[in-house]
Each structure stands twice: as C-alpha cells, then as structure tokens.
Amino acid sequence: MSLGERVLERRQALHITQQDLARSVGVTPQHISLIEQNKVTPSLALLAGLATELGVSVDYLVSGKEGIITDTIPAIKADKRLKIKAKKALIAMVEELYAASDIVRATSPSRDSGEPKK
C-alpha cells in the first residue's frame, strides 16, 4: 500500500472529507486528492500535519508499519461519528490519563539507586 492509499484509507476510516482534511493542514482539497492518487508527494511539514490530523505517525504514513495512534486527541477530534459531548469527555479522559502517567513516573522510585554496581 502506498502513502497516498494510507492517507485515503485513514481519512475515510475517520469519516473526514478531503475538504476538511485540506482545511486542517492548510492546502486545497485538490492537493489532498493528488496525494491520495500518488501524483504528488507531500512535503515533510505537510506529512507531519497529515499524520497529526489522521491520528497516526509519520512512520505509518511513509512505511505502513502499524503502531499505536501517536496522538489520540486529534483522532478523537477528527472522528465524525462522535457527538461533541462524547468528544469532550474522551479528550478529558485522555488528558487525565496522560497527567496521571506523568505523576506516576515522577513519583516512582528509580530502579537505579545511584550506588555503584558490584
């Protein structure tokens, strides 16, 4: 599968129009169409924007390697199936989980006690 096909597949999975995606990343819908048809290759900056808006990594768009969604909040915002109330609740939950994981990391004792190894 090509980069353009991955952009198309992910955009359709999120129920985002070419118009909406184009507006989000600052290009024309025709440019998105050309990318999806593999007639043009996006710049690195555009590729990063597409990845963010589609909720995937740049690596996934370029190589097709599956991975976790790198930023869930843009994916939640982009999902047309969710009502605004559900989006707000999910985003609040994700933010709370991120904050909690930061607190756990900050308060967890280090595995390395700082003592020299014997």
PDB file of N, CA and C in Angstrom:
ATOM      1  N   MET A   1       0.848  -1.172   0.000  1.00  0.00           N
ATOM      2  CA  MET A   1       0.000   0.000   0.000  1.00  0.00           C
ATOM      3  C   MET A   1       0.896   1.240   0.000  1.00  0.00           C
ATOM      4  N   SER A   2       0.528   2.225  -0.754  1.00  0.00           N
ATOM      5  CA  SER A   2       1.324   3.451  -0.888  1.00  0.00           C
ATOM      6  C   SER A   2       0.931   4.486   0.161  1.00  0.00           C
ATOM      7  N   LEU A   3       1.743   5.530   0.270  1.00  0.00           N
ATOM      8  CA  LEU A   3       1.459   6.633   1.179  1.00  0.00           C
ATOM      9  C   LEU A   3       0.083   7.219   0.874  1.00  0.00           C
ATOM     10  N   GLY A   4      -0.182   7.476  -0.380  1.00  0.00           N
ATOM     11  CA  GLY A   4      -1.475   8.051  -0.771  1.00  0.00           C
ATOM     12  C   GLY A   4      -2.641   7.158  -0.376  1.00  0.00           C
ATOM     13  N   GLU A   5      -2.471   5.856  -0.560  1.00  0.00           N
ATOM     14  CA  GLU A   5      -3.527   4.923  -0.186  1.00  0.00           C
ATOM     15  C   GLU A   5      -3.737   4.904   1.323  1.00  0.00           C
ATOM     16  N   ARG A   6      -2.650   5.031   2.095  1.00  0.00           N
ATOM     17  CA  ARG A   6      -2.782   5.071   3.556  1.00  0.00           C
ATOM     18  C   ARG A   6      -3.487   6.348   4.002  1.00  0.00           C
ATOM     19  N   VAL A   7      -3.171   7.478   3.367  1.00  0.00           N
ATOM     20  CA  VAL A   7      -3.860   8.734   3.694  1.00  0.00           C
ATOM     21  C   VAL A   7      -5.355   8.576   3.396  1.00  0.00           C
ATOM     22  N   LEU A   8      -5.672   8.069   2.219  1.00  0.00           N
ATOM     23  CA  LEU A   8      -7.072   7.871   1.825  1.00  0.00           C
ATOM     24  C   LEU A   8      -7.789   6.936   2.789  1.00  0.00           C
ATOM     25  N   GLU A   9      -7.169   5.805   3.078  1.00  0.00           N
ATOM     26  CA  GLU A   9      -7.790   4.807   3.955  1.00  0.00           C
ATOM     27  C   GLU A   9      -8.055   5.375   5.348  1.00  0.00           C
ATOM     28  N   ARG A  10      -7.073   6.069   5.899  1.00  0.00           N
ATOM     29  CA  ARG A  10      -7.221   6.627   7.245  1.00  0.00           C
ATOM     30  C   ARG A  10      -8.258   7.750   7.252  1.00  0.00           C
ATOM     31  N   ARG A  11      -8.228   8.592   6.213  1.00  0.00           N
ATOM     32  CA  ARG A  11      -9.203   9.692   6.127  1.00  0.00           C
ATOM     33  C   ARG A  11     -10.628   9.138   6.071  1.00  0.00           C
ATOM     34  N   GLN A  12     -10.817   8.109   5.269  1.00  0.00           N
ATOM     35  CA  GLN A  12     -12.140   7.513   5.148  1.00  0.00           C
ATOM     36  C   GLN A  12     -12.564   6.809   6.435  1.00  0.00           C
ATOM     37  N   ALA A  13     -11.616   6.164   7.112  1.00  0.00           N
ATOM     38  CA  ALA A  13     -11.927   5.491   8.373  1.00  0.00           C
ATOM     39  C   ALA A  13     -12.408   6.483   9.428  1.00  0.00           C
ATOM     40  N   LEU A  14     -11.870   7.698   9.365  1.00  0.00           N
ATOM     41  CA  LEU A  14     -12.261   8.742  10.313  1.00  0.00           C
ATOM     42  C   LEU A  14     -13.457   9.558   9.820  1.00  0.00           C
ATOM     43  N   HIS A  15     -13.934   9.232   8.627  1.00  0.00           N
ATOM     44  CA  HIS A  15     -15.069   9.940   8.019  1.00  0.00           C
ATOM     45  C   HIS A  15     -14.785  11.432   7.875  1.00  0.00           C
ATOM     46  N   ILE A  16     -13.582  11.739   7.390  1.00  0.00           N
ATOM     47  CA  ILE A  16     -13.175  13.124   7.144  1.00  0.00           C
ATOM     48  C   ILE A  16     -13.208  13.348   5.636  1.00  0.00           C
ATOM     49  N   THR A  17     -13.745  14.469   5.218  1.00  0.00           N
ATOM     50  CA  THR A  17     -13.745  14.782   3.784  1.00  0.00           C
ATOM     51  C   THR A  17     -12.379  15.337   3.385  1.00  0.00           C
ATOM     52  N   GLN A  18     -12.109  15.307   2.081  1.00  0.00           N
ATOM     53  CA  GLN A  18     -10.881  15.929   1.586  1.00  0.00           C
ATOM     54  C   GLN A  18     -10.881  17.407   1.937  1.00  0.00           C
ATOM     55  N   GLN A  19     -12.019  18.026   1.851  1.00  0.00           N
ATOM     56  CA  GLN A  19     -12.165  19.451   2.178  1.00  0.00           C
ATOM     57  C   GLN A  19     -11.758  19.710   3.626  1.00  0.00           C
ATOM     58  N   ASP A  20     -12.285  18.900   4.557  1.00  0.00           N
ATOM     59  CA  ASP A  20     -11.974  19.095   5.974  1.00  0.00           C
ATOM     60  C   ASP A  20     -10.494  18.862   6.264  1.00  0.00           C
ATOM     61  N   LEU A  21      -9.944  17.791   5.692  1.00  0.00           N
ATOM     62  CA  LEU A  21      -8.528  17.494   5.906  1.00  0.00           C
ATOM     63  C   LEU A  21      -7.657  18.607   5.317  1.00  0.00           C
ATOM     64  N   ALA A  22      -8.011  19.054   4.123  1.00  0.00           N
ATOM     65  CA  ALA A  22      -7.249  20.123   3.471  1.00  0.00           C
ATOM     66  C   ALA A  22      -7.256  21.395   4.314  1.00  0.00           C
ATOM     67  N   ARG A  23      -8.406  21.737   4.825  1.00  0.00           N
ATOM     68  CA  ARG A  23      -8.530  22.941   5.660  1.00  0.00           C
ATOM     69  C   ARG A  23      -7.658  22.801   6.916  1.00  0.00           C
ATOM     70  N   SER A  24      -7.647  21.616   7.501  1.00  0.00           N
ATOM     71  CA  SER A  24      -6.876  21.383   8.734  1.00  0.00           C
ATOM     72  C   SER A  24      -5.375  21.505   8.533  1.00  0.00           C
ATOM     73  N   VAL A  25      -4.901  21.121   7.352  1.00  0.00           N
ATOM     74  CA  VAL A  25      -3.451  21.132   7.110  1.00  0.00           C
ATOM     75  C   VAL A  25      -3.000  22.295   6.222  1.00  0.00           C
ATOM     76  N   GLY A  26      -3.935  23.119   5.778  1.00  0.00           N
ATOM     77  CA  GLY A  26      -3.578  24.330   5.044  1.00  0.00           C
ATOM     78  C   GLY A  26      -3.265  24.147   3.572  1.00  0.00           C
ATOM     79  N   VAL A  27      -3.936  23.197   2.926  1.00  0.00           N
ATOM     80  CA  VAL A  27      -3.778  23.016   1.481  1.00  0.00           C
ATOM     81  C   VAL A  27      -5.171  22.956   0.850  1.00  0.00           C
ATOM     82  N   THR A  28      -5.210  22.784  -0.462  1.00  0.00           N
ATOM     83  CA  THR A  28      -6.503  22.676  -1.146  1.00  0.00           C
ATOM     84  C   THR A  28      -6.975  21.222  -1.164  1.00  0.00           C
ATOM     85  N   PRO A  29      -8.273  21.008  -1.306  1.00  0.00           N
ATOM     86  CA  PRO A  29      -8.780  19.641  -1.438  1.00  0.00           C
ATOM     87  C   PRO A  29      -8.165  18.933  -2.658  1.00  0.00           C
ATOM     88  N   GLN A  30      -7.863  19.705  -3.698  1.00  0.00           N
ATOM     89  CA  GLN A  30      -7.248  19.121  -4.891  1.00  0.00           C
ATOM     90  C   GLN A  30      -5.862  18.560  -4.568  1.00  0.00           C
ATOM     91  N   HIS A  31      -5.150  19.239  -3.678  1.00  0.00           N
ATOM     92  CA  HIS A  31      -3.820  18.762  -3.281  1.00  0.00           C
ATOM     93  C   HIS A  31      -3.944  17.439  -2.519  1.00  0.00           C
ATOM     94  N   ILE A  32      -4.932  17.346  -1.646  1.00  0.00           N
ATOM     95  CA  ILE A  32      -5.173  16.087  -0.911  1.00  0.00           C
ATOM     96  C   ILE A  32      -5.503  14.987  -1.906  1.00  0.00           C
ATOM     97  N   SER A  33      -6.324  15.297  -2.893  1.00  0.00           N
ATOM     98  CA  SER A  33      -6.680  14.325  -3.927  1.00  0.00           C
ATOM     99  C   SER A  33      -5.442  13.829  -4.666  1.00  0.00           C
ATOM    100  N   LEU A  34      -4.557  14.749  -5.026  1.00  0.00           N
ATOM    101  CA  LEU A  34      -3.328  14.369  -5.736  1.00  0.00           C
ATOM    102  C   LEU A  34      -2.429  13.488  -4.868  1.00  0.00           C
ATOM    103  N   ILE A  35      -2.369  13.772  -3.573  1.00  0.00           N
ATOM    104  CA  ILE A  35      -1.593  12.932  -2.657  1.00  0.00           C
ATOM    105  C   ILE A  35      -2.196  11.531  -2.614  1.00  0.00           C
ATOM    106  N   GLU A  36      -3.517  11.468  -2.473  1.00  0.00           N
ATOM    107  CA  GLU A  36      -4.194  10.166  -2.379  1.00  0.00           C
ATOM    108  C   GLU A  36      -4.062   9.358  -3.670  1.00  0.00           C
ATOM    109  N   GLN A  37      -3.894  10.035  -4.787  1.00  0.00           N
ATOM    110  CA  GLN A  37      -3.703   9.348  -6.072  1.00  0.00           C
ATOM    111  C   GLN A  37      -2.226   9.083  -6.374  1.00  0.00           C
ATOM    112  N   ASN A  38      -1.357   9.434  -5.431  1.00  0.00           N
ATOM    113  CA  ASN A  38       0.095   9.270  -5.585  1.00  0.00           C
ATOM    114  C   ASN A  38       0.661  10.062  -6.759  1.00  0.00           C
ATOM    115  N   LYS A  39       0.038  11.185  -7.056  1.00  0.00           N
ATOM    116  CA  LYS A  39       0.536  12.040  -8.133  1.00  0.00           C
ATOM    117  C   LYS A  39       1.501  13.099  -7.618  1.00  0.00           C
ATOM    118  N   VAL A  40       1.424  13.399  -6.312  1.00  0.00           N
ATOM    119  CA  VAL A  40       2.382  14.293  -5.669  1.00  0.00           C
ATOM    120  C   VAL A  40       2.768  13.695  -4.329  1.00  0.00           C
ATOM    121  N   THR A  41       3.956  14.058  -3.876  1.00  0.00           N
ATOM    122  CA  THR A  41       4.437  13.624  -2.569  1.00  0.00           C
ATOM    123  C   THR A  41       4.394  14.830  -1.638  1.00  0.00           C
ATOM    124  N   PRO A  42       3.795  14.683  -0.458  1.00  0.00           N
ATOM    125  CA  PRO A  42       3.719  15.833   0.446  1.00  0.00           C
ATOM    126  C   PRO A  42       5.087  16.202   0.993  1.00  0.00           C
ATOM    127  N   SER A  43       5.248  17.484   1.295  1.00  0.00           N
ATOM    128  CA  SER A  43       6.473  17.948   1.958  1.00  0.00           C
ATOM    129  C   SER A  43       6.523  17.328   3.349  1.00  0.00           C
ATOM    130  N   LEU A  44       7.671  17.401   3.987  1.00  0.00           N
ATOM    131  CA  LEU A  44       7.811  16.856   5.327  1.00  0.00           C
ATOM    132  C   LEU A  44       6.869  17.555   6.302  1.00  0.00           C
ATOM    133  N   ALA A  45       6.761  18.874   6.172  1.00  0.00           N
ATOM    134  CA  ALA A  45       5.862  19.620   7.049  1.00  0.00           C
ATOM    135  C   ALA A  45       4.409  19.198   6.840  1.00  0.00           C
ATOM    136  N   LEU A  46       4.009  19.035   5.591  1.00  0.00           N
ATOM    137  CA  LEU A  46       2.646  18.599   5.297  1.00  0.00           C
ATOM    138  C   LEU A  46       2.427  17.175   5.781  1.00  0.00           C
ATOM    139  N   LEU A  47       3.410  16.326   5.596  1.00  0.00           N
ATOM    140  CA  LEU A  47       3.319  14.941   6.056  1.00  0.00           C
ATOM    141  C   LEU A  47       3.086  14.890   7.565  1.00  0.00           C
ATOM    142  N   ALA A  48       3.815  15.726   8.299  1.00  0.00           N
ATOM    143  CA  ALA A  48       3.639  15.789   9.753  1.00  0.00           C
ATOM    144  C   ALA A  48       2.228  16.258  10.106  1.00  0.00           C
ATOM    145  N   GLY A  49       1.735  17.247   9.386  1.00  0.00           N
ATOM    146  CA  GLY A  49       0.371  17.729   9.620  1.00  0.00           C
ATOM    147  C   GLY A  49      -0.675  16.679   9.313  1.00  0.00           C
ATOM    148  N   LEU A  50      -0.478  15.964   8.216  1.00  0.00           N
ATOM    149  CA  LEU A  50      -1.412  14.890   7.858  1.00  0.00           C
ATOM    150  C   LEU A  50      -1.421  13.810   8.940  1.00  0.00           C
ATOM    151  N   ALA A  51      -0.239  13.430   9.409  1.00  0.00           N
ATOM    152  CA  ALA A  51      -0.147  12.399  10.443  1.00  0.00           C
ATOM    153  C   ALA A  51      -0.894  12.833  11.702  1.00  0.00           C
ATOM    154  N   THR A  52      -0.688  14.078  12.092  1.00  0.00           N
ATOM    155  CA  THR A  52      -1.361  14.595  13.284  1.00  0.00           C
ATOM    156  C   THR A  52      -2.875  14.564  13.111  1.00  0.00           C
ATOM    157  N   GLU A  53      -3.350  15.089  11.993  1.00  0.00           N
ATOM    158  CA  GLU A  53      -4.798  15.151  11.757  1.00  0.00           C
ATOM    159  C   GLU A  53      -5.425  13.765  11.612  1.00  0.00           C
ATOM    160  N   LEU A  54      -4.659  12.813  11.091  1.00  0.00           N
ATOM    161  CA  LEU A  54      -5.186  11.466  10.883  1.00  0.00           C
ATOM    162  C   LEU A  54      -4.936  10.561  12.089  1.00  0.00           C
ATOM    163  N   GLY A  55      -4.234  11.084  13.091  1.00  0.00           N
ATOM    164  CA  GLY A  55      -4.021  10.340  14.321  1.00  0.00           C
ATOM    165  C   GLY A  55      -3.068   9.167  14.188  1.00  0.00           C
ATOM    166  N   VAL A  56      -2.100   9.287  13.287  1.00  0.00           N
ATOM    167  CA  VAL A  56      -1.106   8.229  13.089  1.00  0.00           C
ATOM    168  C   VAL A  56       0.279   8.858  13.094  1.00  0.00           C
ATOM    169  N   SER A  57       1.300   8.018  13.024  1.00  0.00           N
ATOM    170  CA  SER A  57       2.661   8.540  12.970  1.00  0.00           C
ATOM    171  C   SER A  57       3.067   8.805  11.525  1.00  0.00           C
ATOM    172  N   VAL A  58       4.066   9.662  11.355  1.00  0.00           N
ATOM    173  CA  VAL A  58       4.643   9.889  10.033  1.00  0.00           C
ATOM    174  C   VAL A  58       5.189   8.562   9.515  1.00  0.00           C
ATOM    175  N   ASP A  59       5.791   7.789  10.416  1.00  0.00           N
ATOM    176  CA  ASP A  59       6.338   6.486  10.048  1.00  0.00           C
ATOM    177  C   ASP A  59       5.260   5.594   9.425  1.00  0.00           C
ATOM    178  N   TYR A  60       4.067   5.603  10.014  1.00  0.00           N
ATOM    179  CA  TYR A  60       2.984   4.789   9.457  1.00  0.00           C
ATOM    180  C   TYR A  60       2.627   5.261   8.050  1.00  0.00           C
ATOM    181  N   LEU A  61       2.493   6.571   7.860  1.00  0.00           N
ATOM    182  CA  LEU A  61       2.123   7.063   6.532  1.00  0.00           C
ATOM    183  C   LEU A  61       3.183   6.710   5.494  1.00  0.00           C
ATOM    184  N   VAL A  62       4.454   6.803   5.874  1.00  0.00           N
ATOM    185  CA  VAL A  62       5.538   6.554   4.925  1.00  0.00           C
ATOM    186  C   VAL A  62       5.765   5.067   4.693  1.00  0.00           C
ATOM    187  N   SER A  63       5.807   4.291   5.779  1.00  0.00           N
ATOM    188  CA  SER A  63       6.203   2.883   5.660  1.00  0.00           C
ATOM    189  C   SER A  63       5.066   1.885   5.774  1.00  0.00           C
ATOM    190  N   GLY A  64       3.972   2.315   6.376  1.00  0.00           N
ATOM    191  CA  GLY A  64       2.861   1.400   6.582  1.00  0.00           C
ATOM    192  C   GLY A  64       3.004   0.540   7.818  1.00  0.00           C
ATOM    193  N   LYS A  65       4.084   0.759   8.590  1.00  0.00           N
ATOM    194  CA  LYS A  65       4.264  -0.021   9.816  1.00  0.00           C
ATOM    195  C   LYS A  65       3.200   0.375  10.812  1.00  0.00           C
ATOM    196  N   GLU A  66       2.472  -0.630  11.262  1.00  0.00           N
ATOM    197  CA  GLU A  66       1.408  -0.387  12.233  1.00  0.00           C
ATOM    198  C   GLU A  66       2.010  -0.008  13.568  1.00  0.00           C
ATOM    199  N   GLY A  67       1.355   0.853  14.264  1.00  0.00           N
ATOM    200  CA  GLY A  67       1.779   1.253  15.592  1.00  0.00           C
ATOM    201  C   GLY A  67       0.588   1.823  16.313  1.00  0.00           C
ATOM    202  N   ILE A  68       0.813   2.214  17.523  1.00  0.00           N
ATOM    203  CA  ILE A  68      -0.288   2.819  18.260  1.00  0.00           C
ATOM    204  C   ILE A  68      -0.546   4.212  17.701  1.00  0.00           C
ATOM    205  N   ILE A  69      -1.713   4.696  17.912  1.00  0.00           N
ATOM    206  CA  ILE A  69      -2.020   6.058  17.496  1.00  0.00           C
ATOM    207  C   ILE A  69      -1.162   6.977  18.339  1.00  0.00           C
ATOM    208  N   THR A  70      -0.388   7.809  17.695  1.00  0.00           N
ATOM    209  CA  THR A  70       0.587   8.618  18.417  1.00  0.00           C
ATOM    210  C   THR A  70      -0.038   9.787  19.139  1.00  0.00           C
ATOM    211  N   ASP A  71      -1.126  10.249  18.659  1.00  0.00           N
ATOM    212  CA  ASP A  71      -1.790  11.335  19.354  1.00  0.00           C
ATOM    213  C   ASP A  71      -3.282  11.101  19.246  1.00  0.00           C
ATOM    214  N   THR A  72      -3.862  10.659  20.329  1.00  0.00           N
ATOM    215  CA  THR A  72      -5.266  10.269  20.303  1.00  0.00           C
ATOM    216  C   THR A  72      -6.213  11.455  20.226  1.00  0.00           C
ATOM    217  N   ILE A  73      -5.813  12.591  20.750  1.00  0.00           N
ATOM    218  CA  ILE A  73      -6.727  13.730  20.763  1.00  0.00           C
ATOM    219  C   ILE A  73      -7.111  14.192  19.352  1.00  0.00           C
ATOM    220  N   PRO A  74      -6.160  14.343  18.407  1.00  0.00           N
ATOM    221  CA  PRO A  74      -6.584  14.689  17.048  1.00  0.00           C
ATOM    222  C   PRO A  74      -7.486  13.624  16.412  1.00  0.00           C
ATOM    223  N   ALA A  75      -7.237  12.357  16.741  1.00  0.00           N
ATOM    224  CA  ALA A  75      -8.079  11.290  16.197  1.00  0.00           C
ATOM    225  C   ALA A  75      -9.494  11.403  16.748  1.00  0.00           C
ATOM    226  N   ILE A  76      -9.619  11.720  18.023  1.00  0.00           N
ATOM    227  CA  ILE A  76     -10.944  11.901  18.620  1.00  0.00           C
ATOM    228  C   ILE A  76     -11.642  13.091  17.974  1.00  0.00           C
ATOM    229  N   LYS A  77     -10.915  14.198  17.830  1.00  0.00           N
ATOM    230  CA  LYS A  77     -11.495  15.406  17.229  1.00  0.00           C
ATOM    231  C   LYS A  77     -11.944  15.151  15.791  1.00  0.00           C
ATOM    232  N   ALA A  78     -11.208  14.323  15.084  1.00  0.00           N
ATOM    233  CA  ALA A  78     -11.491  14.093  13.664  1.00  0.00           C
ATOM    234  C   ALA A  78     -12.626  13.109  13.432  1.00  0.00           C
ATOM    235  N   ASP A  79     -12.967  12.316  14.415  1.00  0.00           N
ATOM    236  CA  ASP A  79     -13.975  11.266  14.217  1.00  0.00           C
ATOM    237  C   ASP A  79     -15.369  11.879  14.119  1.00  0.00           C
ATOM    238  N   LYS A  80     -15.933  11.839  12.922  1.00  0.00           N
ATOM    239  CA  LYS A  80     -17.240  12.448  12.659  1.00  0.00           C
ATOM    240  C   LYS A  80     -18.397  11.666  13.290  1.00  0.00           C
ATOM    241  N   ARG A  81     -18.146  10.424  13.694  1.00  0.00           N
ATOM    242  CA  ARG A  81     -19.212   9.608  14.284  1.00  0.00           C
ATOM    243  C   ARG A  81     -19.526  10.012  15.713  1.00  0.00           C
ATOM    244  N   LEU A  82     -18.584  10.677  16.378  1.00  0.00           N
ATOM    245  CA  LEU A  82     -18.765  11.049  17.775  1.00  0.00           C
ATOM    246  C   LEU A  82     -19.453  12.398  17.902  1.00  0.00           C
ATOM    247  N   LYS A  83     -20.364  12.481  18.843  1.00  0.00           N
ATOM    248  CA  LYS A  83     -21.006  13.758  19.137  1.00  0.00           C
ATOM    249  C   LYS A  83     -20.049  14.596  19.956  1.00  0.00           C
ATOM    250  N   ILE A  84     -20.239  15.903  19.935  1.00  0.00           N
ATOM    251  CA  ILE A  84     -19.328  16.830  20.601  1.00  0.00           C
ATOM    252  C   ILE A  84     -19.190  16.511  22.086  1.00  0.00           C
ATOM    253  N   LYS A  85     -20.288  16.127  22.740  1.00  0.00           N
ATOM    254  CA  LYS A  85     -20.245  15.800  24.171  1.00  0.00           C
ATOM    255  C   LYS A  85     -19.338  14.595  24.415  1.00  0.00           C
ATOM    256  N   ALA A  86     -19.440  13.589  23.559  1.00  0.00           N
ATOM    257  CA  ALA A  86     -18.595  12.403  23.686  1.00  0.00           C
ATOM    258  C   ALA A  86     -17.131  12.755  23.426  1.00  0.00           C
ATOM    259  N   LYS A  87     -16.886  13.609  22.422  1.00  0.00           N
ATOM    260  CA  LYS A  87     -15.514  14.034  22.123  1.00  0.00           C
ATOM    261  C   LYS A  87     -14.890  14.735  23.327  1.00  0.00           C
ATOM    262  N   LYS A  88     -15.643  15.657  23.930  1.00  0.00           N
ATOM    263  CA  LYS A  88     -15.122  16.386  25.086  1.00  0.00           C
ATOM    264  C   LYS A  88     -14.813  15.443  26.235  1.00  0.00           C
ATOM    265  N   ALA A  89     -15.702  14.468  26.475  1.00  0.00           N
ATOM    266  CA  ALA A  89     -15.487  13.512  27.565  1.00  0.00           C
ATOM    267  C   ALA A  89     -14.257  12.645  27.301  1.00  0.00           C
ATOM    268  N   LEU A  90     -14.113  12.167  26.072  1.00  0.00           N
ATOM    269  CA  LEU A  90     -12.953  11.335  25.730  1.00  0.00           C
ATOM    270  C   LEU A  90     -11.648  12.116  25.828  1.00  0.00           C
ATOM    271  N   ILE A  91     -11.655  13.342  25.333  1.00  0.00           N
ATOM    272  CA  ILE A  91     -10.452  14.176  25.391  1.00  0.00           C
ATOM    273  C   ILE A  91     -10.072  14.443  26.850  1.00  0.00           C
ATOM    274  N   ALA A  92     -11.069  14.734  27.689  1.00  0.00           N
ATOM    275  CA  ALA A  92     -10.792  14.965  29.116  1.00  0.00           C
ATOM    276  C   ALA A  92     -10.197  13.707  29.748  1.00  0.00           C
ATOM    277  N   MET A  93     -10.713  12.538  29.382  1.00  0.00           N
ATOM    278  CA  MET A  93     -10.205  11.280  29.921  1.00  0.00           C
ATOM    279  C   MET A  93      -8.760  11.034  29.482  1.00  0.00           C
ATOM    280  N   VAL A  94      -8.481  11.263  28.215  1.00  0.00           N
ATOM    281  CA  VAL A  94      -7.121  11.080  27.703  1.00  0.00           C
ATOM    282  C   VAL A  94      -6.158  12.029  28.407  1.00  0.00           C
ATOM    283  N   GLU A  95      -6.559  13.290  28.543  1.00  0.00           N
ATOM    284  CA  GLU A  95      -5.700  14.261  29.227  1.00  0.00           C
ATOM    285  C   GLU A  95      -5.447  13.844  30.667  1.00  0.00           C
ATOM    286  N   GLU A  96      -6.478  13.320  31.338  1.00  0.00           N
ATOM    287  CA  GLU A  96      -6.342  12.847  32.713  1.00  0.00           C
ATOM    288  C   GLU A  96      -5.391  11.652  32.790  1.00  0.00           C
ATOM    289  N   LEU A  97      -5.484  10.748  31.825  1.00  0.00           N
ATOM    290  CA  LEU A  97      -4.578   9.593  31.800  1.00  0.00           C
ATOM    291  C   LEU A  97      -3.136  10.024  31.567  1.00  0.00           C
ATOM    292  N   TYR A  98      -2.928  10.963  30.646  1.00  0.00           N
ATOM    293  CA  TYR A  98      -1.581  11.479  30.413  1.00  0.00           C
ATOM    294  C   TYR A  98      -1.024  12.121  31.680  1.00  0.00           C
ATOM    295  N   ALA A  99      -1.846  12.930  32.341  1.00  0.00           N
ATOM    296  CA  ALA A  99      -1.409  13.605  33.566  1.00  0.00           C
ATOM    297  C   ALA A  99      -1.091  12.576  34.650  1.00  0.00           C
ATOM    298  N   ALA A 100      -1.926  11.570  34.791  1.00  0.00           N
ATOM    299  CA  ALA A 100      -1.698  10.533  35.802  1.00  0.00           C
ATOM    300  C   ALA A 100      -0.415   9.761  35.515  1.00  0.00           C
ATOM    301  N   SER A 101      -0.156   9.465  34.251  1.00  0.00           N
ATOM    302  CA  SER A 101       1.066   8.723  33.933  1.00  0.00           C
ATOM    303  C   SER A 101       2.297   9.567  34.211  1.00  0.00           C
ATOM    304  N   ASP A 102       2.210  10.880  34.019  1.00  0.00           N
ATOM    305  CA  ASP A 102       3.327  11.774  34.348  1.00  0.00           C
ATOM    306  C   ASP A 102       3.570  11.799  35.852  1.00  0.00           C
ATOM    307  N   ILE A 103       2.494  11.802  36.637  1.00  0.00           N
ATOM    308  CA  ILE A 103       2.615  11.811  38.094  1.00  0.00           C
ATOM    309  C   ILE A 103       3.246  10.505  38.570  1.00  0.00           C
ATOM    310  N   VAL A 104       2.805   9.386  38.014  1.00  0.00           N
ATOM    311  CA  VAL A 104       3.352   8.089  38.399  1.00  0.00           C
ATOM    312  C   VAL A 104       4.836   8.034  38.090  1.00  0.00           C
ATOM    313  N   ARG A 105       5.237   8.495  36.911  1.00  0.00           N
ATOM    314  CA  ARG A 105       6.657   8.492  36.536  1.00  0.00           C
ATOM    315  C   ARG A 105       7.474   9.387  37.463  1.00  0.00           C
ATOM    316  N   ALA A 106       6.889  10.516  37.850  1.00  0.00           N
ATOM    317  CA  ALA A 106       7.626  11.468  38.681  1.00  0.00           C
ATOM    318  C   ALA A 106       7.784  10.979  40.122  1.00  0.00           C
ATOM    319  N   THR A 107       6.829  10.171  40.604  1.00  0.00           N
ATOM    320  CA  THR A 107       6.877   9.738  41.997  1.00  0.00           C
ATOM    321  C   THR A 107       7.386   8.323  42.182  1.00  0.00           C
ATOM    322  N   SER A 108       7.574   7.578  41.112  1.00  0.00           N
ATOM    323  CA  SER A 108       8.070   6.205  41.223  1.00  0.00           C
ATOM    324  C   SER A 108       9.538   6.207  41.600  1.00  0.00           C
ATOM    325  N   PRO A 109       9.917   5.308  42.524  1.00  0.00           N
ATOM    326  CA  PRO A 109      11.341   5.226  42.853  1.00  0.00           C
ATOM    327  C   PRO A 109      12.129   4.710  41.658  1.00  0.00           C
ATOM    328  N   SER A 110      13.287   5.252  41.491  1.00  0.00           N
ATOM    329  CA  SER A 110      14.143   4.853  40.376  1.00  0.00           C
ATOM    330  C   SER A 110      14.673   3.458  40.621  1.00  0.00           C
ATOM    331  N   ARG A 111      14.824   2.679  39.533  1.00  0.00           N
ATOM    332  CA  ARG A 111      15.421   1.349  39.643  1.00  0.00           C
ATOM    333  C   ARG A 111      16.892   1.454  40.022  1.00  0.00           C
ATOM    334  N   ASP A 112      17.507   2.534  39.608  1.00  0.00           N
ATOM    335  CA  ASP A 112      18.925   2.719  39.888  1.00  0.00           C
ATOM    336  C   ASP A 112      19.057   3.559  41.147  1.00  0.00           C
ATOM    337  N   SER A 113      19.578   2.970  42.196  1.00  0.00           N
ATOM    338  CA  SER A 113      19.678   3.666  43.482  1.00  0.00           C
ATOM    339  C   SER A 113      20.820   4.672  43.505  1.00  0.00           C
ATOM    340  N   GLY A 114      21.633   4.673  42.476  1.00  0.00           N
ATOM    341  CA  GLY A 114      22.742   5.587  42.436  1.00  0.00           C
ATOM    342  C   GLY A 114      23.996   5.011  43.055  1.00  0.00           C
ATOM    343  N   GLU A 115      23.861   3.827  43.656  1.00  0.00           N
ATOM    344  CA  GLU A 115      25.037   3.172  44.251  1.00  0.00           C
ATOM    345  C   GLU A 115      25.823   2.463  43.176  1.00  0.00           C
ATOM    346  N   PRO A 116      27.140   2.406  43.338  1.00  0.00           N
ATOM    347  CA  PRO A 116      27.943   1.698  42.355  1.00  0.00           C
ATOM    348  C   PRO A 116      27.593   0.212  42.308  1.00  0.00           C
ATOM    349  N   LYS A 117      27.643  -0.344  41.119  1.00  0.00           N
ATOM    350  CA  LYS A 117      27.364  -1.765  40.952  1.00  0.00           C
ATOM    351  C   LYS A 117      28.565  -2.573  41.392  1.00  0.00           C
ATOM    352  N   LYS A 118      28.289  -3.718  42.001  1.00  0.00           N
ATOM    353  CA  LYS A 118      29.369  -4.604  42.477  1.00  0.00           C
ATOM    354  C   LYS A 118      29.701  -5.665  41.475  1.00  0.00           C
TER     355      LYS A 118
END
